[in-house]
Amino acid sequence: MTETHSAAVGGDSGPQVAELVASRVLDVPDFPKPGVIFKDLMPLFADGDVFREVIDGIVAYHGRDSFDAVVGIEARGFVIAAAIAYATGVGVVPVRKAGKLPRATHSASYALEYGEATLEVHQDAFTAGHRVLVVDDVLATGGTAEATLDLVERAGGTVAGFTVLMELGFLKGRERLAPRPVHALLSI
């Protein structure tokens, strides 16, 4: 494993935040398959001071009163969403893999880098006009994010923002999500 760390890192919240995130990302070669370098953010989650600073930075960027709920995308997005929801006193809503939610759901299928997947959200997750901040750990090709943003809107929510800890810019996920704004703390 190697650290994702460089003197010239960037992100939408400035170089200091980008450097902080980069300092806690480990590269894991050949996971989940040969030739892929997995960007492991678990060291960031495990460092309480850094995790708090990252969450506070996300809240400051969007504004404490700019959203009514936070959506976390399975699975690492749950960790981020729960922390933001707690810090701001709003609710948290999970977007899960198919078959994991117990009540009536909206679902969306999409292509992944390694195949296809389906995500779901409860049909009654939001009231009409509910302002929703969507968060996840990594933006790659944008398929997961696009499906989630569409699910939020189909369930009656209004997307107030979308934030990821790290964006893999070479995979052009941001372009796929246009014209929706993307906030990435670290872009590589």
C-alpha atoms as a PDB file:
ATOM      1  CA  MET A   1       0.000   0.000   0.000  1.00  0.00           C
ATOM      2  CA  THR A   2       1.094   3.537  -0.738  1.00  0.00           C
ATOM      3  CA  GLU A   3      -0.210   6.871   0.411  1.00  0.00           C
ATOM      4  CA  THR A   4      -2.095   9.109  -2.047  1.00  0.00           C
ATOM      5  CA  HIS A   5      -0.125  12.223  -1.299  1.00  0.00           C
ATOM      6  CA  SER A   6       1.320  14.924  -3.497  1.00  0.00           C
ATOM      7  CA  ALA A   7       2.534  18.497  -3.205  1.00  0.00           C
ATOM      8  CA  ALA A   8       0.039  19.591  -5.883  1.00  0.00           C
ATOM      9  CA  VAL A   9      -3.312  18.240  -4.731  1.00  0.00           C
ATOM     10  CA  GLY A  10      -6.531  20.116  -5.397  1.00  0.00           C
ATOM     11  CA  GLY A  11     -10.158  20.150  -4.459  1.00  0.00           C
ATOM     12  CA  ASP A  12     -13.228  22.354  -4.366  1.00  0.00           C
ATOM     13  CA  SER A  13     -12.595  23.445  -0.765  1.00  0.00           C
ATOM     14  CA  GLY A  14      -8.989  24.473  -1.387  1.00  0.00           C
ATOM     15  CA  PRO A  15      -5.548  22.901  -1.160  1.00  0.00           C
ATOM     16  CA  GLN A  16      -5.432  22.637   2.641  1.00  0.00           C
ATOM     17  CA  VAL A  17      -8.533  20.412   2.838  1.00  0.00           C
ATOM     18  CA  ALA A  18      -7.429  18.462  -0.240  1.00  0.00           C
ATOM     19  CA  GLU A  19      -4.037  17.822   1.353  1.00  0.00           C
ATOM     20  CA  LEU A  20      -5.701  16.720   4.587  1.00  0.00           C
ATOM     21  CA  VAL A  21      -7.836  14.152   2.746  1.00  0.00           C
ATOM     22  CA  ALA A  22      -4.910  13.028   0.574  1.00  0.00           C
ATOM     23  CA  SER A  23      -2.786  12.451   3.658  1.00  0.00           C
ATOM     24  CA  ARG A  24      -5.238   9.804   4.873  1.00  0.00           C
ATOM     25  CA  VAL A  25      -5.849   7.876   1.624  1.00  0.00           C
ATOM     26  CA  LEU A  26      -4.007   4.636   0.998  1.00  0.00           C
ATOM     27  CA  ASP A  27      -3.589   3.089  -2.456  1.00  0.00           C
ATOM     28  CA  VAL A  28      -4.286  -0.649  -2.447  1.00  0.00           C
ATOM     29  CA  PRO A  29      -3.110  -2.266  -5.700  1.00  0.00           C
ATOM     30  CA  ASP A  30      -5.066  -5.013  -7.447  1.00  0.00           C
ATOM     31  CA  PHE A  31      -8.296  -4.571  -5.474  1.00  0.00           C
ATOM     32  CA  PRO A  32     -11.047  -5.534  -6.179  1.00  0.00           C
ATOM     33  CA  LYS A  33      -9.391  -7.006  -9.282  1.00  0.00           C
ATOM     34  CA  PRO A  34      -5.938  -7.041 -10.885  1.00  0.00           C
ATOM     35  CA  GLY A  35      -4.918  -3.717 -12.406  1.00  0.00           C
ATOM     36  CA  VAL A  36      -7.206  -1.597 -10.215  1.00  0.00           C
ATOM     37  CA  ILE A  37      -5.756   0.690  -7.555  1.00  0.00           C
ATOM     38  CA  PHE A  38      -8.339   0.997  -4.767  1.00  0.00           C
ATOM     39  CA  LYS A  39      -8.351   4.315  -2.888  1.00  0.00           C
ATOM     40  CA  ASP A  40      -8.864   3.328   0.762  1.00  0.00           C
ATOM     41  CA  LEU A  41     -10.366   6.108   2.896  1.00  0.00           C
ATOM     42  CA  MET A  42     -10.605   4.038   6.084  1.00  0.00           C
ATOM     43  CA  PRO A  43      -7.528   5.746   7.586  1.00  0.00           C
ATOM     44  CA  LEU A  44      -9.396   9.066   7.304  1.00  0.00           C
ATOM     45  CA  PHE A  45     -12.445   7.637   9.093  1.00  0.00           C
ATOM     46  CA  ALA A  46     -10.206   6.134  11.785  1.00  0.00           C
ATOM     47  CA  ASP A  47      -8.499   9.447  12.614  1.00  0.00           C
ATOM     48  CA  GLY A  48     -11.010  11.272  14.831  1.00  0.00           C
ATOM     49  CA  ASP A  49      -9.445  14.730  14.498  1.00  0.00           C
ATOM     50  CA  VAL A  50      -9.178  14.521  10.707  1.00  0.00           C
ATOM     51  CA  PHE A  51     -12.669  13.045  10.349  1.00  0.00           C
ATOM     52  CA  ARG A  52     -14.124  15.879  12.458  1.00  0.00           C
ATOM     53  CA  GLU A  53     -12.277  18.493  10.384  1.00  0.00           C
ATOM     54  CA  VAL A  54     -13.557  16.944   7.137  1.00  0.00           C
ATOM     55  CA  ILE A  55     -17.160  16.815   8.373  1.00  0.00           C
ATOM     56  CA  ASP A  56     -16.955  20.394   9.689  1.00  0.00           C
ATOM     57  CA  GLY A  57     -15.563  21.457   6.312  1.00  0.00           C
ATOM     58  CA  ILE A  58     -18.461  19.865   4.430  1.00  0.00           C
ATOM     59  CA  VAL A  59     -21.004  21.528   6.731  1.00  0.00           C
ATOM     60  CA  ALA A  60     -19.251  24.907   6.366  1.00  0.00           C
ATOM     61  CA  TYR A  61     -19.134  24.586   2.577  1.00  0.00           C
ATOM     62  CA  HIS A  62     -22.861  23.894   2.203  1.00  0.00           C
ATOM     63  CA  GLY A  63     -24.111  25.929   5.143  1.00  0.00           C
ATOM     64  CA  ARG A  64     -25.752  24.443   8.205  1.00  0.00           C
ATOM     65  CA  ASP A  65     -29.247  25.542   7.141  1.00  0.00           C
ATOM     66  CA  SER A  66     -29.078  24.653   3.432  1.00  0.00           C
ATOM     67  CA  PHE A  67     -30.473  21.106   3.719  1.00  0.00           C
ATOM     68  CA  ASP A  68     -33.199  19.238   5.617  1.00  0.00           C
ATOM     69  CA  ALA A  69     -31.756  15.715   5.341  1.00  0.00           C
ATOM     70  CA  VAL A  70     -28.540  13.970   4.358  1.00  0.00           C
ATOM     71  CA  VAL A  71     -28.441  10.957   2.051  1.00  0.00           C
ATOM     72  CA  GLY A  72     -25.560   8.521   2.393  1.00  0.00           C
ATOM     73  CA  ILE A  73     -24.791   6.137  -0.446  1.00  0.00           C
ATOM     74  CA  GLU A  74     -24.021   2.548   0.584  1.00  0.00           C
ATOM     75  CA  ALA A  75     -21.799   1.895   2.352  1.00  0.00           C
ATOM     76  CA  ARG A  76     -19.083   4.405   3.250  1.00  0.00           C
ATOM     77  CA  GLY A  77     -21.464   7.250   2.453  1.00  0.00           C
ATOM     78  CA  PHE A  78     -23.486   6.130   5.501  1.00  0.00           C
ATOM     79  CA  VAL A  79     -20.593   7.067   7.790  1.00  0.00           C
ATOM     80  CA  ILE A  80     -20.221  10.525   6.276  1.00  0.00           C
ATOM     81  CA  ALA A  81     -23.971  11.182   6.169  1.00  0.00           C
ATOM     82  CA  ALA A  82     -24.531  10.152   9.772  1.00  0.00           C
ATOM     83  CA  ALA A  83     -21.770  12.472  10.991  1.00  0.00           C
ATOM     84  CA  ILE A  84     -23.119  15.432   8.984  1.00  0.00           C
ATOM     85  CA  ALA A  85     -26.679  14.744  10.109  1.00  0.00           C
ATOM     86  CA  TYR A  86     -25.585  14.612  13.739  1.00  0.00           C
ATOM     87  CA  ALA A  87     -23.533  17.805  13.412  1.00  0.00           C
ATOM     88  CA  THR A  88     -26.458  19.714  11.889  1.00  0.00           C
ATOM     89  CA  GLY A  89     -29.419  18.142  13.676  1.00  0.00           C
ATOM     90  CA  VAL A  90     -31.108  16.826  10.531  1.00  0.00           C
ATOM     91  CA  GLY A  91     -32.158  13.327   9.550  1.00  0.00           C
ATOM     92  CA  VAL A  92     -30.135  10.789   7.606  1.00  0.00           C
ATOM     93  CA  VAL A  93     -31.534   8.629   4.789  1.00  0.00           C
ATOM     94  CA  PRO A  94     -29.695   5.610   3.383  1.00  0.00           C
ATOM     95  CA  VAL A  95     -29.614   4.764  -0.315  1.00  0.00           C
ATOM     96  CA  ARG A  96     -29.034   1.025  -0.305  1.00  0.00           C
ATOM     97  CA  LYS A  97     -28.339  -1.856  -2.607  1.00  0.00           C
ATOM     98  CA  ALA A  98     -31.444  -3.607  -3.931  1.00  0.00           C
ATOM     99  CA  GLY A  99     -33.365  -5.766  -1.480  1.00  0.00           C
ATOM    100  CA  LYS A 100     -32.019  -4.185   1.724  1.00  0.00           C
ATOM    101  CA  LEU A 101     -34.881  -1.784   2.547  1.00  0.00           C
ATOM    102  CA  PRO A 102     -38.072  -3.190   4.128  1.00  0.00           C
ATOM    103  CA  ARG A 103     -40.781  -0.893   2.714  1.00  0.00           C
ATOM    104  CA  ALA A 104     -41.859   0.244  -0.756  1.00  0.00           C
ATOM    105  CA  THR A 105     -38.916   1.675  -2.679  1.00  0.00           C
ATOM    106  CA  HIS A 106     -37.895   3.527  -5.800  1.00  0.00           C
ATOM    107  CA  SER A 107     -35.028   1.782  -7.590  1.00  0.00           C
ATOM    108  CA  ALA A 108     -32.464   2.713 -10.204  1.00  0.00           C
ATOM    109  CA  SER A 109     -30.027   0.462 -12.052  1.00  0.00           C
ATOM    110  CA  TYR A 110     -26.751   1.735 -13.451  1.00  0.00           C
ATOM    111  CA  ALA A 111     -23.425   0.569 -14.865  1.00  0.00           C
ATOM    112  CA  LEU A 112     -20.372   0.329 -12.619  1.00  0.00           C
ATOM    113  CA  GLU A 113     -16.718   0.194 -13.559  1.00  0.00           C
ATOM    114  CA  TYR A 114     -16.933  -3.567 -12.883  1.00  0.00           C
ATOM    115  CA  GLY A 115     -20.529  -4.475 -13.852  1.00  0.00           C
ATOM    116  CA  GLU A 116     -24.060  -3.346 -13.010  1.00  0.00           C
ATOM    117  CA  ALA A 117     -25.879  -2.510  -9.759  1.00  0.00           C
ATOM    118  CA  THR A 118     -29.235  -1.331  -8.448  1.00  0.00           C
ATOM    119  CA  LEU A 119     -29.849   1.168  -5.663  1.00  0.00           C
ATOM    120  CA  GLU A 120     -33.043   1.851  -3.732  1.00  0.00           C
ATOM    121  CA  VAL A 121     -34.543   4.479  -1.450  1.00  0.00           C
ATOM    122  CA  HIS A 122     -37.821   4.323   0.460  1.00  0.00           C
ATOM    123  CA  GLN A 123     -40.657   5.944  -1.476  1.00  0.00           C
ATOM    124  CA  ASP A 124     -41.624   7.962   1.607  1.00  0.00           C
ATOM    125  CA  ALA A 125     -38.072   9.086   2.470  1.00  0.00           C
ATOM    126  CA  PHE A 126     -38.778  12.775   1.778  1.00  0.00           C
ATOM    127  CA  THR A 127     -41.652  15.194   1.733  1.00  0.00           C
ATOM    128  CA  ALA A 128     -42.144  17.331  -1.372  1.00  0.00           C
ATOM    129  CA  GLY A 129     -39.427  19.950  -1.598  1.00  0.00           C
ATOM    130  CA  HIS A 130     -37.275  18.405   1.145  1.00  0.00           C
ATOM    131  CA  ARG A 131     -33.752  19.813   0.563  1.00  0.00           C
ATOM    132  CA  VAL A 132     -31.310  16.910   0.492  1.00  0.00           C
ATOM    133  CA  LEU A 133     -27.523  16.879   0.712  1.00  0.00           C
ATOM    134  CA  VAL A 134     -26.145  13.710  -0.918  1.00  0.00           C
ATOM    135  CA  VAL A 135     -22.728  12.435   0.196  1.00  0.00           C
ATOM    136  CA  ASP A 136     -20.402   9.603  -0.702  1.00  0.00           C
ATOM    137  CA  ASP A 137     -16.755   8.718  -0.335  1.00  0.00           C
ATOM    138  CA  VAL A 138     -15.586   8.572  -3.973  1.00  0.00           C
ATOM    139  CA  LEU A 139     -16.866   9.863  -7.310  1.00  0.00           C
ATOM    140  CA  ALA A 140     -15.598   7.654 -10.132  1.00  0.00           C
ATOM    141  CA  THR A 141     -17.612   7.313 -13.359  1.00  0.00           C
ATOM    142  CA  GLY A 142     -20.673   8.942 -11.778  1.00  0.00           C
ATOM    143  CA  GLY A 143     -23.106   6.067 -12.243  1.00  0.00           C
ATOM    144  CA  THR A 144     -23.789   5.584  -8.542  1.00  0.00           C
ATOM    145  CA  ALA A 145     -24.119   9.324  -7.946  1.00  0.00           C
ATOM    146  CA  GLU A 146     -26.390   9.866 -10.948  1.00  0.00           C
ATOM    147  CA  ALA A 147     -28.688   7.018  -9.863  1.00  0.00           C
ATOM    148  CA  THR A 148     -28.815   8.384  -6.296  1.00  0.00           C
ATOM    149  CA  LEU A 149     -29.582  11.963  -7.328  1.00  0.00           C
ATOM    150  CA  ASP A 150     -32.366  10.681  -9.574  1.00  0.00           C
ATOM    151  CA  LEU A 151     -33.749   8.546  -6.718  1.00  0.00           C
ATOM    152  CA  VAL A 152     -33.821  11.542  -4.367  1.00  0.00           C
ATOM    153  CA  GLU A 153     -35.827  13.516  -6.922  1.00  0.00           C
ATOM    154  CA  ARG A 154     -38.184  10.623  -7.695  1.00  0.00           C
ATOM    155  CA  ALA A 155     -38.871  10.275  -3.953  1.00  0.00           C
ATOM    156  CA  GLY A 156     -39.887  13.962  -3.745  1.00  0.00           C
ATOM    157  CA  GLY A 157     -36.641  15.509  -2.532  1.00  0.00           C
ATOM    158  CA  THR A 158     -34.756  18.438  -4.006  1.00  0.00           C
ATOM    159  CA  VAL A 159     -31.012  17.931  -4.336  1.00  0.00           C
ATOM    160  CA  ALA A 160     -29.399  20.748  -2.349  1.00  0.00           C
ATOM    161  CA  GLY A 161     -25.858  19.531  -2.956  1.00  0.00           C
ATOM    162  CA  PHE A 162     -23.605  16.600  -3.701  1.00  0.00           C
ATOM    163  CA  THR A 163     -20.282  16.112  -1.900  1.00  0.00           C
ATOM    164  CA  VAL A 164     -17.610  13.432  -2.102  1.00  0.00           C
ATOM    165  CA  LEU A 165     -14.401  13.107  -0.165  1.00  0.00           C
ATOM    166  CA  MET A 166     -12.456  12.194  -3.306  1.00  0.00           C
ATOM    167  CA  GLU A 167     -13.066  12.542  -7.031  1.00  0.00           C
ATOM    168  CA  LEU A 168     -11.216  10.424  -9.581  1.00  0.00           C
ATOM    169  CA  GLY A 169     -11.271  13.149 -12.235  1.00  0.00           C
ATOM    170  CA  PHE A 170      -9.812  11.000 -15.009  1.00  0.00           C
ATOM    171  CA  LEU A 171     -13.042   8.935 -14.969  1.00  0.00           C
ATOM    172  CA  LYS A 172     -15.129  12.050 -15.776  1.00  0.00           C
ATOM    173  CA  GLY A 173     -17.945  11.455 -13.274  1.00  0.00           C
ATOM    174  CA  ARG A 174     -18.380  15.212 -12.773  1.00  0.00           C
ATOM    175  CA  GLU A 175     -19.149  15.620 -16.471  1.00  0.00           C
ATOM    176  CA  ARG A 176     -21.778  12.879 -16.290  1.00  0.00           C
ATOM    177  CA  LEU A 177     -23.536  14.714 -13.441  1.00  0.00           C
ATOM    178  CA  ALA A 178     -23.573  18.121 -15.180  1.00  0.00           C
ATOM    179  CA  PRO A 179     -25.258  20.531 -14.797  1.00  0.00           C
ATOM    180  CA  ARG A 180     -25.554  19.455 -11.162  1.00  0.00           C
ATOM    181  CA  PRO A 181     -22.730  20.874  -9.035  1.00  0.00           C
ATOM    182  CA  VAL A 182     -20.199  18.502  -7.518  1.00  0.00           C
ATOM    183  CA  HIS A 183     -18.200  19.344  -4.393  1.00  0.00           C
ATOM    184  CA  ALA A 184     -15.086  17.174  -4.042  1.00  0.00           C
ATOM    185  CA  LEU A 185     -12.706  17.717  -1.139  1.00  0.00           C
ATOM    186  CA  LEU A 186      -9.890  16.029  -3.074  1.00  0.00           C
ATOM    187  CA  SER A 187      -9.679  15.732  -6.865  1.00  0.00           C
ATOM    188  CA  ILE A 188      -7.078  13.454  -8.383  1.00  0.00           C
END
